[in-house]
């Protein structure tokens, strides 16, 4: 009897080869779909030529070799990086940039012209502009570093490249101007001028820098240069005050008055400055007999009346008593000022004889009484008068003997300017 053939059994798999094959297939599949780890965007503070906007396209072989070169550069292996770059056919912009970056990593001088040429050929390639900014900074070309940093930061709007322009500007412009102002306050105008000039070389219209430079020029006596500089800031309150001070120094009261008058009404110094220059301007336009009173070496009663009214013109609008007929002032050019002083009881007259006695020397008591009366009319604090034989301290006001027109005029001007303040 012949045995029937047995049914075929599946082959035994003692080593689990099927499972291993399945695992290998799964692993290979995962490797095929998982991207390689990303390259660093930064190496030695430099941007990767293979990252960022504006990169020209690369062939696969070029991409592979340049990625290897960049990885080597990031590790500091510049010679190996150069070897990898040398294998790239038809060297693209990224390869040329990598070679220049290798120079930077090695501390060698970088040809800024080569980077500029590369940037002009590929103006949208952000990594070139950033590299140019870094190279220019190392070379001491601050203007190029700042401009290239702005171009690169605007194109590659991520940290740290987007912050680089503002950091450079803060350090090279804002901080320098602040330090120049400190040096100026410390009495070092030449050092301040040198420093602020370096800042303005990068940003000529920078307002704070212009003001500090003008102040330094004024401190050095270079007034004409300062005035030209301040004219570039029309409407700026601080520039107006400085320009007004220059006009006052040369006694151009009309210009100074117009400048101060252009200040906003809210400016704390406007009223005082306008009042001061208006008074000074008025003095320059006074008639000859007023100037004669100012120059008098021995003040007369007539000249006292002239100075009181001419230097405090608001007195003419103040109501007062009636004025008697004064026979001895009829032909005087100062008749109006004398009548105002008498009407306001600033100077006494002989009402019986109807005389003012204009030529008589003004006595100390008359001058003090007239000034005290003027202060009362204007709502001012009257001076504290020194004794005639006292040593003049700073706490009281003395009058010379004889009393001069200049001494009385200076006191009156100070009082009236104080009213404006």
Protein backbone atom coordinates (compact mmCIF):
# COMPACT_ATOMS: atom_id res chain seq x y z
CA UNK A 1 0.00 0.00 0.00
CA UNK A 2 1.40 3.16 -1.05
CA UNK A 3 1.42 6.02 1.42
CA UNK A 4 -0.28 9.13 0.18
CA UNK A 5 1.95 12.11 0.03
CA UNK A 6 1.64 14.36 3.12
CA UNK A 7 0.37 17.96 2.83
CA UNK A 8 3.17 20.59 2.34
CA UNK A 9 3.95 22.38 5.53
CA UNK A 10 5.25 25.95 5.64
CA UNK A 11 8.99 26.22 6.04
CA UNK A 12 10.13 26.96 9.52
CA UNK A 13 11.77 30.41 10.17
CA UNK A 14 13.79 29.85 13.28
CA UNK A 15 15.74 33.13 12.93
CA UNK A 16 12.78 35.40 12.30
CA UNK A 17 14.16 36.47 8.90
CA UNK A 18 10.79 37.68 7.70
CA UNK A 19 10.37 39.96 10.66
CA UNK A 20 13.90 41.29 10.18
CA UNK A 21 13.25 42.01 6.53
CA UNK A 22 10.09 43.82 7.44
CA UNK A 23 11.99 45.91 10.02
CA UNK A 24 14.69 46.76 7.51
CA UNK A 25 12.13 47.83 4.97
CA UNK A 26 10.45 50.02 7.57
CA UNK A 27 13.76 51.60 8.57
CA UNK A 28 14.77 52.23 4.97
CA UNK A 29 11.40 53.79 4.31
CA UNK A 30 11.81 56.09 7.33
CA UNK A 31 15.30 57.11 6.23
CA UNK A 32 14.05 57.92 2.78
CA UNK A 33 11.39 60.30 4.07
CA UNK A 34 13.13 61.93 7.09
CA UNK A 35 15.02 65.13 6.10
CA UNK A 36 18.62 65.54 7.21
CA UNK A 37 19.20 67.63 10.31
CA UNK A 38 19.04 71.36 9.47
CA UNK A 39 22.23 73.29 8.94
CA UNK A 40 23.04 76.07 11.36
CA UNK A 41 21.96 79.48 10.07
CA UNK A 42 24.89 81.10 11.85
CA UNK A 43 28.54 80.24 12.17
CA UNK A 44 31.12 82.52 13.79
CA UNK A 45 28.45 85.22 13.72
CA UNK A 46 28.10 84.87 9.93
CA UNK A 47 24.91 84.05 8.04
CA UNK A 48 24.73 80.79 6.13
CA UNK A 49 24.95 81.39 2.37
CA UNK A 50 22.47 78.50 2.03
CA UNK A 51 19.77 80.18 4.10
CA UNK A 52 17.70 83.34 3.93
CA UNK A 53 15.93 85.22 1.16
CA UNK A 54 17.21 85.87 -2.32
CA UNK A 55 19.46 82.81 -2.67
CA UNK A 56 20.18 81.98 -6.31
CA UNK A 57 19.17 78.36 -7.17
CA UNK A 58 21.79 75.62 -6.91
CA UNK A 59 22.22 72.27 -8.64
CA UNK A 60 22.03 69.22 -6.38
CA UNK A 61 25.76 68.58 -6.51
CA UNK A 62 26.53 72.22 -5.77
CA UNK A 63 24.07 72.18 -2.86
CA UNK A 64 25.66 69.02 -1.43
CA UNK A 65 29.23 70.27 -1.66
CA UNK A 66 28.42 73.74 -0.30
CA UNK A 67 26.47 72.27 2.61
CA UNK A 68 29.54 70.21 3.47
CA UNK A 69 31.75 73.32 3.12
CA UNK A 70 29.47 75.36 5.37
CA UNK A 71 29.41 72.62 8.02
CA UNK A 72 33.20 72.53 7.99
CA UNK A 73 33.37 76.33 8.25
CA UNK A 74 31.01 76.31 11.23
CA UNK A 75 33.39 73.84 12.90
CA UNK A 76 36.31 76.17 12.21
CA UNK A 77 37.92 73.87 9.61
CA UNK A 78 38.51 76.60 7.07
CA UNK A 79 41.09 74.70 5.00
CA UNK A 80 38.76 71.72 4.64
CA UNK A 81 35.91 74.07 3.81
CA UNK A 82 37.98 75.62 1.04
CA UNK A 83 38.76 72.14 -0.34
CA UNK A 84 35.06 71.33 -0.41
CA UNK A 85 34.32 74.59 -2.21
CA UNK A 86 37.05 73.87 -4.76
CA UNK A 87 35.16 70.73 -5.83
CA UNK A 88 32.11 72.77 -6.85
CA UNK A 89 31.76 73.13 -10.59
CA UNK A 90 30.96 76.55 -12.05
CA UNK A 91 31.28 78.24 -8.63
CA UNK A 92 27.97 79.96 -7.82
CA UNK A 93 27.40 83.11 -5.74
CA UNK A 94 26.96 81.04 -2.56
CA UNK A 95 30.41 79.47 -3.08
CA UNK A 96 32.05 82.84 -3.72
CA UNK A 97 30.40 84.15 -0.56
CA UNK A 98 31.62 81.14 1.43
CA UNK A 99 35.22 81.80 0.36
CA UNK A 100 34.97 85.40 1.58
CA UNK A 101 33.40 84.24 4.82
CA UNK A 102 36.32 81.83 5.30
CA UNK A 103 38.63 84.86 5.17
CA UNK A 104 36.58 86.47 7.93
CA UNK A 105 36.73 83.33 10.07
CA UNK A 106 40.51 83.17 9.63
CA UNK A 107 40.83 86.85 10.55
CA UNK A 108 42.22 87.81 7.16
CA UNK A 109 41.43 91.18 5.53
CA UNK A 110 38.34 90.81 3.41
CA UNK A 111 38.03 92.52 0.05
CA UNK A 112 35.02 94.75 0.60
CA UNK A 113 35.01 95.50 -3.11
CA UNK A 114 34.52 91.80 -3.86
CA UNK A 115 31.55 91.66 -1.50
CA UNK A 116 30.12 94.88 -3.00
CA UNK A 117 30.41 93.38 -6.48
CA UNK A 118 28.67 90.22 -5.32
CA UNK A 119 25.90 92.29 -3.71
CA UNK A 120 25.41 94.35 -6.86
CA UNK A 121 25.09 91.14 -8.89
CA UNK A 122 22.58 89.64 -6.43
CA UNK A 123 20.89 92.58 -4.66
CA UNK A 124 18.13 90.41 -3.16
CA UNK A 125 20.58 87.93 -1.60
CA UNK A 126 20.33 88.89 2.10
CA UNK A 127 23.30 86.83 3.32
CA UNK A 128 25.65 88.86 1.12
CA UNK A 129 24.51 92.19 2.60
CA UNK A 130 24.82 90.90 6.15
CA UNK A 131 28.30 89.52 5.47
CA UNK A 132 29.28 92.84 3.89
CA UNK A 133 28.01 94.67 6.99
CA UNK A 134 30.06 92.46 9.30
CA UNK A 135 33.18 92.75 7.13
CA UNK A 136 32.83 96.54 6.85
CA UNK A 137 32.46 96.84 10.61
CA UNK A 138 35.69 94.89 11.07
CA UNK A 139 37.40 97.12 8.50
CA UNK A 140 36.22 100.29 10.26
CA UNK A 141 33.92 101.44 7.48
CA UNK A 142 30.96 102.35 9.66
CA UNK A 143 28.87 103.95 6.92
CA UNK A 144 29.07 100.83 4.75
CA UNK A 145 28.45 98.56 7.74
CA UNK A 146 25.31 100.47 8.68
CA UNK A 147 23.90 100.70 5.16
CA UNK A 148 24.62 97.04 4.34
CA UNK A 149 23.13 96.02 7.68
CA UNK A 150 19.96 97.92 6.85
CA UNK A 151 19.70 96.22 3.45
CA UNK A 152 20.27 92.76 4.89
CA UNK A 153 18.02 93.27 7.92
CA UNK A 154 15.17 94.51 5.77
CA UNK A 155 15.42 91.44 3.53
CA UNK A 156 16.04 88.82 6.23
CA UNK A 157 13.56 89.90 8.86
CA UNK A 158 14.58 87.50 11.64
CA UNK A 159 16.86 87.76 14.65
CA UNK A 160 19.66 88.67 14.85
CA UNK A 161 19.84 90.29 11.43
CA UNK A 162 16.73 92.44 11.83
CA UNK A 163 18.15 93.96 15.03
CA UNK A 164 21.61 94.66 13.69
CA UNK A 165 20.90 98.05 12.04
CA UNK A 166 19.31 99.51 15.17
CA UNK A 167 22.11 98.18 17.37
CA UNK A 168 24.75 99.75 15.15
CA UNK A 169 22.84 103.04 15.01
CA UNK A 170 22.39 103.15 18.78
CA UNK A 171 26.07 102.54 19.37
CA UNK A 172 27.53 104.73 16.66
CA UNK A 173 25.07 107.62 16.54
CA UNK A 174 22.81 107.91 19.58
CA UNK A 175 25.36 106.85 22.21
CA UNK A 176 28.07 109.06 20.73
CA UNK A 177 25.84 112.12 20.75
CA UNK A 178 24.88 111.45 24.37
CA UNK A 179 28.55 111.12 25.33
CA UNK A 180 29.38 114.30 23.40
CA UNK A 181 26.72 116.15 25.39
CA UNK A 182 28.29 114.85 28.61
CA UNK A 183 31.75 115.98 27.49
CA UNK A 184 30.36 119.40 26.64
CA UNK A 185 28.85 119.72 30.11
CA UNK A 186 32.23 118.71 31.54
CA UNK A 187 33.90 121.60 29.74
CA UNK A 188 35.50 119.59 26.93
CA UNK A 189 34.00 121.12 23.76
CA UNK A 190 36.78 119.94 21.43
CA UNK A 191 36.37 116.30 22.45
CA UNK A 192 32.60 116.69 22.24
CA UNK A 193 32.88 118.12 18.73
CA UNK A 194 35.10 115.26 17.53
CA UNK A 195 32.69 112.65 18.86
CA UNK A 196 29.49 114.27 17.57
CA UNK A 197 31.09 114.72 14.14
CA UNK A 198 31.63 110.95 13.97
CA UNK A 199 27.96 110.43 14.74
CA UNK A 200 26.74 112.99 12.21
CA UNK A 201 28.95 111.45 9.53
CA UNK A 202 26.55 108.49 9.68
CA UNK A 203 23.34 110.51 10.03
CA UNK A 204 23.82 114.20 9.12
CA UNK A 205 20.18 115.23 9.77
CA UNK A 206 20.14 113.73 13.30
CA UNK A 207 18.48 116.50 15.30
CA UNK A 208 20.11 115.85 18.69
CA UNK A 209 23.51 115.65 17.06
CA UNK A 210 23.01 118.99 15.30
CA UNK A 211 22.06 120.70 18.57
CA UNK A 212 25.03 119.26 20.47
CA UNK A 213 27.38 120.20 17.63
CA UNK A 214 26.03 123.77 17.59
CA UNK A 215 26.57 124.05 21.34
CA UNK A 216 30.12 122.77 21.00
CA UNK A 217 30.84 125.27 18.22
CA UNK A 218 29.48 128.09 20.37
CA UNK A 219 31.66 126.99 23.27
CA UNK A 220 34.68 127.15 20.92
CA UNK A 221 33.73 130.62 19.68
CA UNK A 222 32.82 129.41 16.18
CA UNK A 223 29.58 131.35 16.19
CA UNK A 224 29.04 131.70 12.44
CA UNK A 225 29.28 127.93 11.91
CA UNK A 226 26.86 127.30 14.75
CA UNK A 227 24.36 129.75 13.31
CA UNK A 228 24.40 128.07 9.90
CA UNK A 229 23.92 124.69 11.55
CA UNK A 230 20.97 125.86 13.65
CA UNK A 231 19.26 127.24 10.55
CA UNK A 232 18.84 123.62 9.41
CA UNK A 233 16.36 123.08 12.28
CA UNK A 234 13.55 125.54 11.55
CA UNK A 235 10.84 125.47 14.18
CA UNK A 236 12.93 123.54 16.71
CA UNK A 237 12.55 125.29 20.07
CA UNK A 238 16.05 124.54 21.37
CA UNK A 239 17.62 125.65 18.09
CA UNK A 240 15.57 128.87 18.19
CA UNK A 241 16.77 129.66 21.72
CA UNK A 242 20.40 129.06 20.73
CA UNK A 243 20.04 131.17 17.57
CA UNK A 244 18.36 133.92 19.60
CA UNK A 245 21.29 133.90 22.01
CA UNK A 246 23.69 134.34 19.08
CA UNK A 247 21.66 137.30 17.82
CA UNK A 248 21.73 138.83 21.31
CA UNK A 249 25.50 138.46 21.50
CA UNK A 250 25.92 140.57 18.40
CA UNK A 251 23.19 142.94 19.66
CA UNK A 252 20.88 142.19 16.77
CA UNK A 253 17.83 142.71 18.93
CA UNK A 254 15.36 142.73 16.05
CA UNK A 255 16.43 139.24 14.88
CA UNK A 256 16.56 137.92 18.43
CA UNK A 257 13.09 139.28 19.16
CA UNK A 258 11.65 137.69 16.02
CA UNK A 259 13.28 134.35 16.83
CA UNK A 260 11.98 134.26 20.40
CA UNK A 261 8.55 135.37 19.25
CA UNK A 262 8.39 132.28 17.01
CA UNK A 263 8.63 129.98 20.04
CA UNK A 264 5.40 128.23 21.04
CA UNK A 265 3.45 130.11 23.69
CA UNK A 266 3.90 127.15 26.03
CA UNK A 267 7.70 127.48 26.03
CA UNK A 268 8.82 128.47 29.56
CA UNK A 269 11.44 130.96 28.36
CA UNK A 270 9.41 132.73 25.68
CA UNK A 271 7.93 135.57 27.72
CA UNK A 272 11.23 136.48 29.37
CA UNK A 273 13.20 136.31 26.11
CA UNK A 274 10.69 138.35 24.14
CA UNK A 275 10.44 140.95 26.90
CA UNK A 276 14.21 141.22 27.25
CA UNK A 277 14.92 141.61 23.55
CA UNK A 278 12.00 143.94 22.98
CA UNK A 279 13.40 146.23 25.66
CA UNK A 280 16.89 146.06 24.20
CA UNK A 281 15.51 146.69 20.74
CA UNK A 282 13.62 149.69 22.06
CA UNK A 283 16.83 151.09 23.51
CA UNK A 284 18.54 151.00 20.12
CA UNK A 285 15.65 152.99 18.62
CA UNK A 286 15.41 155.68 21.26
CA UNK A 287 15.93 159.35 20.34
CA UNK A 288 19.27 161.09 20.94
CA UNK A 289 18.29 162.72 24.24
CA UNK A 290 17.66 159.26 25.72
CA UNK A 291 21.08 158.07 24.66
CA UNK A 292 22.51 161.24 26.16
CA UNK A 293 20.81 160.38 29.46
CA UNK A 294 22.23 156.85 29.29
CA UNK A 295 25.74 158.23 28.83
CA UNK A 296 25.40 160.90 31.53
CA UNK A 297 28.18 160.93 34.14
CA UNK A 298 26.02 162.97 36.53
CA UNK A 299 22.31 162.34 36.06
CA UNK A 300 19.96 165.32 36.02
CA UNK A 301 16.29 165.32 37.05
CA UNK A 302 15.27 165.60 33.41
CA UNK A 303 17.45 162.61 32.51
CA UNK A 304 16.04 160.62 35.43
CA UNK A 305 12.52 161.19 34.08
CA UNK A 306 13.69 160.22 30.58
CA UNK A 307 15.17 156.90 31.75
CA UNK A 308 12.19 156.02 33.93
CA UNK A 309 9.73 156.32 31.06
CA UNK A 310 11.97 155.20 28.20
CA UNK A 311 13.04 151.99 29.96
CA UNK A 312 9.59 151.25 31.37
CA UNK A 313 7.36 152.37 28.48
CA UNK A 314 4.30 150.72 30.04
CA UNK A 315 4.16 153.65 32.46
CA UNK A 316 2.71 155.85 29.72
CA UNK A 317 -0.47 153.77 29.72
CA UNK A 318 -0.96 154.03 33.49
CA UNK A 319 -3.57 156.53 34.63
CA UNK A 320 -2.36 159.22 37.04
CA UNK A 321 -3.14 162.65 38.44
CA UNK A 322 -3.33 165.97 36.64
CA UNK A 323 -0.14 167.72 35.62
CA UNK A 324 0.37 171.37 36.47
CA UNK A 325 1.79 173.72 33.91
CA UNK A 326 5.57 173.56 34.16
CA UNK A 327 7.16 176.62 32.65
CA UNK A 328 10.71 175.28 32.47
CA UNK A 329 10.10 172.20 30.30
CA UNK A 330 8.19 173.78 27.42
CA UNK A 331 11.10 173.68 24.99
CA UNK A 332 12.58 170.35 26.11
CA UNK A 333 12.54 167.38 23.69
CA UNK A 334 11.92 165.21 26.73
CA UNK A 335 8.70 167.04 27.68
CA UNK A 336 6.53 163.93 27.25
CA UNK A 337 8.68 161.78 29.56
CA UNK A 338 8.89 164.54 32.18
CA UNK A 339 5.11 165.00 32.21
CA UNK A 340 4.57 161.24 32.57
CA UNK A 341 6.98 161.03 35.52
CA UNK A 342 5.29 164.01 37.22
CA UNK A 343 1.75 162.76 36.52
CA UNK A 344 2.58 159.43 38.21
CA UNK A 345 4.25 161.17 41.19
CA UNK A 346 7.59 159.55 40.47
CA UNK A 347 9.39 162.89 40.69
CA UNK A 348 8.28 165.89 42.76
CA UNK A 349 7.89 169.40 41.30
CA UNK A 350 7.55 172.90 42.70
CA UNK A 351 3.85 173.41 42.25
CA UNK A 352 4.01 176.97 43.58
CA UNK A 353 6.62 178.15 41.10
CA UNK A 354 5.39 175.70 38.42
CA UNK A 355 8.92 174.50 37.87
CA UNK A 356 10.44 171.06 37.34
CA UNK A 357 14.08 172.18 37.57
CA UNK A 358 15.21 169.79 34.80
CA UNK A 359 18.92 170.71 34.91
CA UNK A 360 19.35 170.15 38.61
CA UNK A 361 21.40 167.10 39.63
CA UNK A 362 19.24 164.15 40.68
CA UNK A 363 19.78 163.46 44.36
CA UNK A 364 20.16 159.95 45.73
CA UNK A 365 16.84 160.17 47.59
CA UNK A 366 15.06 161.30 44.43
CA UNK A 367 16.43 158.42 42.40
CA UNK A 368 15.57 155.85 45.07
CA UNK A 369 12.09 157.30 45.57
CA UNK A 370 11.43 157.36 41.80
CA UNK A 371 12.53 153.72 41.38
CA UNK A 372 10.52 152.61 44.42
CA UNK A 373 7.46 154.38 43.01
CA UNK A 374 7.95 152.74 39.63
CA UNK A 375 8.16 149.29 41.22
CA UNK A 376 4.92 150.00 43.11
CA UNK A 377 3.15 150.99 39.88
CA UNK A 378 4.40 147.88 38.03
CA UNK A 379 3.84 145.45 40.90
CA UNK A 380 7.56 144.69 41.28
CA UNK A 381 9.66 144.10 44.36
CA UNK A 382 11.56 147.30 45.07
CA UNK A 383 15.34 147.06 45.56
CA UNK A 384 16.84 146.83 49.02
CA UNK A 385 19.04 149.93 49.13
CA UNK A 386 22.48 149.97 50.70
CA UNK A 387 23.52 152.63 53.16
CA UNK A 388 25.52 155.41 51.57
CA UNK A 389 28.75 154.57 53.42
CA UNK A 390 28.30 150.79 53.64
CA UNK A 391 30.49 148.24 51.91
CA UNK A 392 28.23 146.95 49.14
CA UNK A 393 27.09 143.39 49.88
CA UNK A 394 25.25 141.22 47.40
CA UNK A 395 22.02 141.57 49.36
CA UNK A 396 21.48 145.28 48.69
CA UNK A 397 21.55 147.72 45.80
CA UNK A 398 23.98 150.64 45.78
CA UNK A 399 24.07 153.78 43.63
CA UNK A 400 27.37 155.43 42.72
CA UNK A 401 28.25 158.97 43.63
CA UNK A 402 27.72 160.89 41.46
CA UNK A 403 24.79 158.94 40.06
CA UNK A 404 25.39 157.97 36.44
CA UNK A 405 22.88 157.29 33.70
CA UNK A 406 24.44 153.87 33.09
CA UNK A 407 23.95 152.78 36.72
CA UNK A 408 20.29 153.80 36.76
CA UNK A 409 19.66 152.30 33.31
CA UNK A 410 21.15 148.92 34.29
CA UNK A 411 18.99 148.80 37.41
CA UNK A 412 15.84 149.74 35.51
CA UNK A 413 16.52 147.20 32.77
CA UNK A 414 17.02 144.46 35.38
CA UNK A 415 13.74 145.38 37.06
CA UNK A 416 11.75 145.47 33.82
CA UNK A 417 13.30 142.23 32.55
CA UNK A 418 12.37 140.68 35.89
CA UNK A 419 8.77 141.64 35.23
CA UNK A 420 8.89 139.78 31.90
CA UNK A 421 10.11 136.66 33.69
